């Protein structure tokens, strides 16, 4: 597989059901190897799910320019589709949540579902602005200058939330003590309660690993 960044590709053992591709996007200073070390792939294997994993090394520098992260994500989605994958899911953790939502809003017809763990969708300042407005349904983005990537993404999410079919199903998990929980709370207001998992914890692997187990226990891929 030819991709513009380093990656880990883990293929599921033979299992019943159509094969799924789960694109994993770690946080700003995290790596695909940390996803392995913290049991994210093992959790899938223990359940015998027909889910192949592609974990990308989407480091923080890629997010500094919106065109850079978009290029990586679009090329990756194009590549996996040429490999025959038709059921594509996303997992975005922290800053990886921004990448997942870029895919979900720009490539909606190709994405079957999204997992978000403590997604970083904007600095606490802009999230506070959304909260003060009464939530995403009331917030006005105003003028979006070319480099205001966070405001542009939140506006894209806002527009997509207005149409129930404009976003794939989103499964959200976050810690109640997470310093970036504001973005999760704002987003959770637009999600069915059964797709939101909250637990005591912070912005750390220990919390995310437990949340991942809980989200998978809900059988999001179907029986």
C-alpha atoms as a PDB file:
ATOM      1  CA  UNK A   1       0.000   0.000   0.000  1.00  0.00           C
ATOM      2  CA  UNK A   2       1.442   3.375  -1.064  1.00  0.00           C
ATOM      3  CA  UNK A   3       0.562   6.221   1.293  1.00  0.00           C
ATOM      4  CA  UNK A   4       2.045   9.701   1.876  1.00  0.00           C
ATOM      5  CA  UNK A   5       2.762   8.989   5.582  1.00  0.00           C
ATOM      6  CA  UNK A   6       4.024   6.100   7.696  1.00  0.00           C
ATOM      7  CA  UNK A   7       1.366   3.644   8.803  1.00  0.00           C
ATOM      8  CA  UNK A   8       0.551   0.311  10.413  1.00  0.00           C
ATOM      9  CA  UNK A   9      -1.693  -2.030   8.437  1.00  0.00           C
ATOM     10  CA  UNK A  10      -3.121  -4.891  10.478  1.00  0.00           C
ATOM     11  CA  UNK A  11      -5.305  -7.388   8.627  1.00  0.00           C
ATOM     12  CA  UNK A  12      -7.946  -9.287  10.556  1.00  0.00           C
ATOM     13  CA  UNK A  13      -7.792 -13.088  10.577  1.00  0.00           C
ATOM     14  CA  UNK A  14     -10.399 -14.824   8.472  1.00  0.00           C
ATOM     15  CA  UNK A  15     -13.774 -13.932   9.931  1.00  0.00           C
ATOM     16  CA  UNK A  16     -17.396 -14.050   8.879  1.00  0.00           C
ATOM     17  CA  UNK A  17     -18.900 -10.980   7.255  1.00  0.00           C
ATOM     18  CA  UNK A  18     -17.791  -8.395   4.732  1.00  0.00           C
ATOM     19  CA  UNK A  19     -14.350  -7.004   5.522  1.00  0.00           C
ATOM     20  CA  UNK A  20     -14.283  -3.494   7.006  1.00  0.00           C
ATOM     21  CA  UNK A  21     -11.425  -0.984   6.921  1.00  0.00           C
ATOM     22  CA  UNK A  22     -10.966   1.108  10.077  1.00  0.00           C
ATOM     23  CA  UNK A  23      -8.787   4.151   9.507  1.00  0.00           C
ATOM     24  CA  UNK A  24      -7.215   5.164  12.838  1.00  0.00           C
ATOM     25  CA  UNK A  25      -5.986   8.733  13.338  1.00  0.00           C
ATOM     26  CA  UNK A  26      -4.030   9.262  16.568  1.00  0.00           C
ATOM     27  CA  UNK A  27      -3.596  12.522  18.465  1.00  0.00           C
ATOM     28  CA  UNK A  28      -1.105  15.333  17.920  1.00  0.00           C
ATOM     29  CA  UNK A  29       1.949  13.787  19.575  1.00  0.00           C
ATOM     30  CA  UNK A  30       0.827  10.163  19.398  1.00  0.00           C
ATOM     31  CA  UNK A  31       1.826   7.416  16.986  1.00  0.00           C
ATOM     32  CA  UNK A  32       0.267   4.337  15.388  1.00  0.00           C
ATOM     33  CA  UNK A  33       2.491   2.199  17.617  1.00  0.00           C
ATOM     34  CA  UNK A  34       0.833   3.681  20.698  1.00  0.00           C
ATOM     35  CA  UNK A  35      -2.526   2.531  19.359  1.00  0.00           C
ATOM     36  CA  UNK A  36      -1.075  -0.977  19.269  1.00  0.00           C
ATOM     37  CA  UNK A  37       0.494  -0.695  22.718  1.00  0.00           C
ATOM     38  CA  UNK A  38      -2.746   0.511  24.272  1.00  0.00           C
ATOM     39  CA  UNK A  39      -4.797  -2.360  22.930  1.00  0.00           C
ATOM     40  CA  UNK A  40      -6.856  -0.643  20.265  1.00  0.00           C
ATOM     41  CA  UNK A  41      -6.237  -3.313  17.641  1.00  0.00           C
ATOM     42  CA  UNK A  42      -6.279  -6.150  20.176  1.00  0.00           C
ATOM     43  CA  UNK A  43      -9.785  -5.109  21.250  1.00  0.00           C
ATOM     44  CA  UNK A  44     -10.981  -5.742  17.700  1.00  0.00           C
ATOM     45  CA  UNK A  45      -9.198  -9.078  17.460  1.00  0.00           C
ATOM     46  CA  UNK A  46     -10.580 -10.302  20.783  1.00  0.00           C
ATOM     47  CA  UNK A  47     -14.071  -9.763  19.417  1.00  0.00           C
ATOM     48  CA  UNK A  48     -13.338 -11.612  16.179  1.00  0.00           C
ATOM     49  CA  UNK A  49     -14.452  -8.674  14.066  1.00  0.00           C
ATOM     50  CA  UNK A  50     -13.705  -8.649  10.309  1.00  0.00           C
ATOM     51  CA  UNK A  51     -12.049  -5.242  10.659  1.00  0.00           C
ATOM     52  CA  UNK A  52      -8.720  -4.453   9.028  1.00  0.00           C
ATOM     53  CA  UNK A  53      -6.885  -1.518  10.609  1.00  0.00           C
ATOM     54  CA  UNK A  54      -4.904   1.202   8.904  1.00  0.00           C
ATOM     55  CA  UNK A  55      -3.306   3.465  11.536  1.00  0.00           C
ATOM     56  CA  UNK A  56      -1.734   6.595  10.073  1.00  0.00           C
ATOM     57  CA  UNK A  57       1.112   8.641  11.477  1.00  0.00           C
ATOM     58  CA  UNK A  58      -0.769  11.921  11.058  1.00  0.00           C
ATOM     59  CA  UNK A  59       1.515  14.066  13.206  1.00  0.00           C
ATOM     60  CA  UNK A  60       0.676  17.577  14.375  1.00  0.00           C
ATOM     61  CA  UNK A  61       2.651  19.353  11.620  1.00  0.00           C
ATOM     62  CA  UNK A  62       0.192  18.084   9.011  1.00  0.00           C
ATOM     63  CA  UNK A  63      -2.640  19.943  10.717  1.00  0.00           C
ATOM     64  CA  UNK A  64      -0.863  23.309  10.559  1.00  0.00           C
ATOM     65  CA  UNK A  65      -1.899  23.611   6.917  1.00  0.00           C
ATOM     66  CA  UNK A  66      -5.401  22.355   6.122  1.00  0.00           C
ATOM     67  CA  UNK A  67      -4.338  21.377   2.599  1.00  0.00           C
ATOM     68  CA  UNK A  68      -1.618  19.061   3.976  1.00  0.00           C
ATOM     69  CA  UNK A  69      -3.885  16.955   6.174  1.00  0.00           C
ATOM     70  CA  UNK A  70      -6.609  16.936   3.529  1.00  0.00           C
ATOM     71  CA  UNK A  71      -4.113  15.682   0.923  1.00  0.00           C
ATOM     72  CA  UNK A  72      -3.046  12.807   3.174  1.00  0.00           C
ATOM     73  CA  UNK A  73      -6.601  11.840   4.078  1.00  0.00           C
ATOM     74  CA  UNK A  74      -7.991  12.015   0.544  1.00  0.00           C
ATOM     75  CA  UNK A  75      -5.079  10.058  -0.919  1.00  0.00           C
ATOM     76  CA  UNK A  76      -5.481   7.432   1.780  1.00  0.00           C
ATOM     77  CA  UNK A  77      -9.211   7.046   1.154  1.00  0.00           C
ATOM     78  CA  UNK A  78      -8.595   6.820  -2.586  1.00  0.00           C
ATOM     79  CA  UNK A  79      -5.965   4.128  -2.024  1.00  0.00           C
ATOM     80  CA  UNK A  80      -8.058   1.918   0.258  1.00  0.00           C
ATOM     81  CA  UNK A  81     -10.977   2.088  -2.139  1.00  0.00           C
ATOM     82  CA  UNK A  82      -8.740   0.844  -4.948  1.00  0.00           C
ATOM     83  CA  UNK A  83      -7.934  -2.064  -2.632  1.00  0.00           C
ATOM     84  CA  UNK A  84     -11.582  -3.063  -2.666  1.00  0.00           C
ATOM     85  CA  UNK A  85     -12.748  -1.704   0.680  1.00  0.00           C
ATOM     86  CA  UNK A  86     -16.335  -0.493   0.563  1.00  0.00           C
ATOM     87  CA  UNK A  87     -17.117  -0.401   4.283  1.00  0.00           C
ATOM     88  CA  UNK A  88     -14.857   2.322   5.685  1.00  0.00           C
ATOM     89  CA  UNK A  89     -14.922   3.528   9.293  1.00  0.00           C
ATOM     90  CA  UNK A  90     -12.857   6.187  11.043  1.00  0.00           C
ATOM     91  CA  UNK A  91     -11.402   6.476  14.520  1.00  0.00           C
ATOM     92  CA  UNK A  92     -10.090   9.896  15.533  1.00  0.00           C
ATOM     93  CA  UNK A  93      -8.471  10.545  18.903  1.00  0.00           C
ATOM     94  CA  UNK A  94      -7.884  14.100  20.149  1.00  0.00           C
ATOM     95  CA  UNK A  95      -6.485  16.051  17.153  1.00  0.00           C
ATOM     96  CA  UNK A  96      -7.166  12.953  15.068  1.00  0.00           C
ATOM     97  CA  UNK A  97     -10.824  13.769  15.652  1.00  0.00           C
ATOM     98  CA  UNK A  98     -10.381  16.815  13.423  1.00  0.00           C
ATOM     99  CA  UNK A  99      -9.030  14.580  10.679  1.00  0.00           C
ATOM    100  CA  UNK A 100     -11.914  12.159  11.089  1.00  0.00           C
ATOM    101  CA  UNK A 101     -14.452  14.967  10.809  1.00  0.00           C
ATOM    102  CA  UNK A 102     -12.740  16.340   7.711  1.00  0.00           C
ATOM    103  CA  UNK A 103     -13.307  12.929   6.107  1.00  0.00           C
ATOM    104  CA  UNK A 104     -16.840  12.643   7.460  1.00  0.00           C
ATOM    105  CA  UNK A 105     -17.894  16.014   6.051  1.00  0.00           C
ATOM    106  CA  UNK A 106     -16.009  15.885   2.744  1.00  0.00           C
ATOM    107  CA  UNK A 107     -16.309  12.192   1.851  1.00  0.00           C
ATOM    108  CA  UNK A 108     -19.642  11.356   3.484  1.00  0.00           C
ATOM    109  CA  UNK A 109     -20.897   8.800   0.870  1.00  0.00           C
ATOM    110  CA  UNK A 110     -17.810   6.637   1.432  1.00  0.00           C
ATOM    111  CA  UNK A 111     -17.783   6.638   5.250  1.00  0.00           C
ATOM    112  CA  UNK A 112     -19.995   4.165   7.085  1.00  0.00           C
ATOM    113  CA  UNK A 113     -19.311   5.353  10.621  1.00  0.00           C
ATOM    114  CA  UNK A 114     -17.028   7.412  12.856  1.00  0.00           C
ATOM    115  CA  UNK A 115     -15.576   6.901  16.327  1.00  0.00           C
ATOM    116  CA  UNK A 116     -14.396  10.014  18.154  1.00  0.00           C
ATOM    117  CA  UNK A 117     -12.473   9.850  21.421  1.00  0.00           C
ATOM    118  CA  UNK A 118     -12.025  13.242  23.116  1.00  0.00           C
ATOM    119  CA  UNK A 119     -11.966  14.997  19.733  1.00  0.00           C
ATOM    120  CA  UNK A 120     -10.048  18.243  19.472  1.00  0.00           C
ATOM    121  CA  UNK A 121     -12.237  20.326  17.152  1.00  0.00           C
ATOM    122  CA  UNK A 122     -10.920  23.725  18.149  1.00  0.00           C
ATOM    123  CA  UNK A 123      -9.098  25.620  20.868  1.00  0.00           C
ATOM    124  CA  UNK A 124     -10.915  26.201  24.128  1.00  0.00           C
ATOM    125  CA  UNK A 125     -11.447  29.807  23.046  1.00  0.00           C
ATOM    126  CA  UNK A 126     -13.498  29.018  19.965  1.00  0.00           C
ATOM    127  CA  UNK A 127     -15.354  26.193  21.740  1.00  0.00           C
ATOM    128  CA  UNK A 128     -16.260  28.687  24.499  1.00  0.00           C
ATOM    129  CA  UNK A 129     -17.566  30.966  21.750  1.00  0.00           C
ATOM    130  CA  UNK A 130     -19.827  28.158  20.490  1.00  0.00           C
ATOM    131  CA  UNK A 131     -21.014  27.409  24.035  1.00  0.00           C
ATOM    132  CA  UNK A 132     -21.770  31.071  24.722  1.00  0.00           C
ATOM    133  CA  UNK A 133     -23.868  31.216  21.550  1.00  0.00           C
ATOM    134  CA  UNK A 134     -26.020  28.351  22.833  1.00  0.00           C
ATOM    135  CA  UNK A 135     -24.393  25.513  20.911  1.00  0.00           C
ATOM    136  CA  UNK A 136     -23.616  24.686  17.306  1.00  0.00           C
ATOM    137  CA  UNK A 137     -27.222  25.142  16.207  1.00  0.00           C
ATOM    138  CA  UNK A 138     -27.099  28.831  17.265  1.00  0.00           C
ATOM    139  CA  UNK A 139     -23.450  29.714  16.648  1.00  0.00           C
ATOM    140  CA  UNK A 140     -22.574  32.057  13.794  1.00  0.00           C
ATOM    141  CA  UNK A 141     -19.148  31.387  12.274  1.00  0.00           C
ATOM    142  CA  UNK A 142     -18.810  34.886  10.849  1.00  0.00           C
ATOM    143  CA  UNK A 143     -16.045  35.648   8.393  1.00  0.00           C
ATOM    144  CA  UNK A 144     -13.623  32.737   7.998  1.00  0.00           C
ATOM    145  CA  UNK A 145     -10.146  33.851   6.986  1.00  0.00           C
ATOM    146  CA  UNK A 146      -7.996  31.427   4.948  1.00  0.00           C
ATOM    147  CA  UNK A 147      -5.896  30.122   7.850  1.00  0.00           C
ATOM    148  CA  UNK A 148      -8.703  29.834  10.407  1.00  0.00           C
ATOM    149  CA  UNK A 149      -8.900  26.047  10.007  1.00  0.00           C
ATOM    150  CA  UNK A 150     -10.750  25.433  13.270  1.00  0.00           C
ATOM    151  CA  UNK A 151     -13.560  27.871  12.487  1.00  0.00           C
ATOM    152  CA  UNK A 152     -13.848  26.418   8.978  1.00  0.00           C
ATOM    153  CA  UNK A 153     -14.128  22.864  10.307  1.00  0.00           C
ATOM    154  CA  UNK A 154     -16.714  23.784  12.943  1.00  0.00           C
ATOM    155  CA  UNK A 155     -18.743  25.555  10.249  1.00  0.00           C
ATOM    156  CA  UNK A 156     -18.564  22.418   8.079  1.00  0.00           C
ATOM    157  CA  UNK A 157     -19.718  20.264  10.982  1.00  0.00           C
ATOM    158  CA  UNK A 158     -22.504  22.727  11.773  1.00  0.00           C
ATOM    159  CA  UNK A 159     -23.766  22.663   8.188  1.00  0.00           C
ATOM    160  CA  UNK A 160     -23.653  18.855   8.087  1.00  0.00           C
ATOM    161  CA  UNK A 161     -25.560  18.516  11.376  1.00  0.00           C
ATOM    162  CA  UNK A 162     -28.506  20.369   9.844  1.00  0.00           C
ATOM    163  CA  UNK A 163     -29.175  17.361   7.603  1.00  0.00           C
ATOM    164  CA  UNK A 164     -29.354  13.992   9.351  1.00  0.00           C
ATOM    165  CA  UNK A 165     -28.063  12.264   6.209  1.00  0.00           C
ATOM    166  CA  UNK A 166     -25.094  14.606   5.771  1.00  0.00           C
ATOM    167  CA  UNK A 167     -22.954  12.852   8.386  1.00  0.00           C
ATOM    168  CA  UNK A 168     -22.312   9.154   9.026  1.00  0.00           C
ATOM    169  CA  UNK A 169     -23.246   7.779  12.467  1.00  0.00           C
ATOM    170  CA  UNK A 170     -20.866   9.208  15.066  1.00  0.00           C
ATOM    171  CA  UNK A 171     -19.929   7.283  18.221  1.00  0.00           C
ATOM    172  CA  UNK A 172     -18.389   9.600  20.824  1.00  0.00           C
ATOM    173  CA  UNK A 173     -16.462   8.943  24.019  1.00  0.00           C
ATOM    174  CA  UNK A 174     -14.720  11.313  26.412  1.00  0.00           C
ATOM    175  CA  UNK A 175     -13.608  11.693  30.008  1.00  0.00           C
ATOM    176  CA  UNK A 176     -15.640  13.935  32.291  1.00  0.00           C
ATOM    177  CA  UNK A 177     -12.403  15.513  33.537  1.00  0.00           C
ATOM    178  CA  UNK A 178     -10.877  16.016  30.081  1.00  0.00           C
ATOM    179  CA  UNK A 179      -9.519  19.534  29.698  1.00  0.00           C
ATOM    180  CA  UNK A 180     -10.840  19.592  26.113  1.00  0.00           C
ATOM    181  CA  UNK A 181     -14.255  18.129  26.942  1.00  0.00           C
ATOM    182  CA  UNK A 182     -16.061  21.262  25.738  1.00  0.00           C
ATOM    183  CA  UNK A 183     -15.897  20.137  22.105  1.00  0.00           C
ATOM    184  CA  UNK A 184     -17.295  16.713  23.019  1.00  0.00           C
ATOM    185  CA  UNK A 185     -20.139  18.241  25.026  1.00  0.00           C
ATOM    186  CA  UNK A 186     -21.046  20.600  22.174  1.00  0.00           C
ATOM    187  CA  UNK A 187     -21.063  17.713  19.695  1.00  0.00           C
ATOM    188  CA  UNK A 188     -22.895  15.294  22.011  1.00  0.00           C
ATOM    189  CA  UNK A 189     -25.930  17.603  22.015  1.00  0.00           C
ATOM    190  CA  UNK A 190     -26.533  16.498  18.418  1.00  0.00           C
ATOM    191  CA  UNK A 191     -25.994  12.754  18.893  1.00  0.00           C
ATOM    192  CA  UNK A 192     -28.306   9.991  20.117  1.00  0.00           C
ATOM    193  CA  UNK A 193     -27.656   9.245  23.778  1.00  0.00           C
ATOM    194  CA  UNK A 194     -26.832   5.595  23.050  1.00  0.00           C
ATOM    195  CA  UNK A 195     -23.903   6.663  20.876  1.00  0.00           C
ATOM    196  CA  UNK A 196     -22.240   8.758  23.591  1.00  0.00           C
ATOM    197  CA  UNK A 197     -20.028   7.278  26.316  1.00  0.00           C
ATOM    198  CA  UNK A 198     -18.745   9.395  29.212  1.00  0.00           C
ATOM    199  CA  UNK A 199     -16.597   8.218  32.116  1.00  0.00           C
ATOM    200  CA  UNK A 200     -14.391   9.728  34.819  1.00  0.00           C
ATOM    201  CA  UNK A 201     -10.999  10.452  33.314  1.00  0.00           C
ATOM    202  CA  UNK A 202      -8.817  12.937  31.506  1.00  0.00           C
ATOM    203  CA  UNK A 203      -7.154  13.454  28.159  1.00  0.00           C
ATOM    204  CA  UNK A 204      -5.038  10.304  28.299  1.00  0.00           C
ATOM    205  CA  UNK A 205      -4.564   6.797  26.951  1.00  0.00           C
ATOM    206  CA  UNK A 206      -5.931   5.103  30.073  1.00  0.00           C
ATOM    207  CA  UNK A 207      -9.291   6.812  29.605  1.00  0.00           C
ATOM    208  CA  UNK A 208      -9.374   6.356  25.838  1.00  0.00           C
ATOM    209  CA  UNK A 209      -8.606   2.633  26.056  1.00  0.00           C
ATOM    210  CA  UNK A 210     -11.572   2.019  28.379  1.00  0.00           C
ATOM    211  CA  UNK A 211     -13.865   4.172  26.240  1.00  0.00           C
ATOM    212  CA  UNK A 212     -12.826   2.208  23.146  1.00  0.00           C
ATOM    213  CA  UNK A 213     -13.788  -1.050  24.817  1.00  0.00           C
ATOM    214  CA  UNK A 214     -17.161   0.384  25.833  1.00  0.00           C
ATOM    215  CA  UNK A 215     -17.930   1.696  22.361  1.00  0.00           C
ATOM    216  CA  UNK A 216     -17.059  -1.652  20.800  1.00  0.00           C
ATOM    217  CA  UNK A 217     -19.252  -3.464  23.344  1.00  0.00           C
ATOM    218  CA  UNK A 218     -22.222  -1.647  21.789  1.00  0.00           C
ATOM    219  CA  UNK A 219     -21.622  -3.572  18.536  1.00  0.00           C
ATOM    220  CA  UNK A 220     -21.403  -0.488  16.302  1.00  0.00           C
ATOM    221  CA  UNK A 221     -20.435  -2.490  13.199  1.00  0.00           C
ATOM    222  CA  UNK A 222     -23.613  -4.551  13.413  1.00  0.00           C
ATOM    223  CA  UNK A 223     -24.148  -8.115  14.584  1.00  0.00           C
END
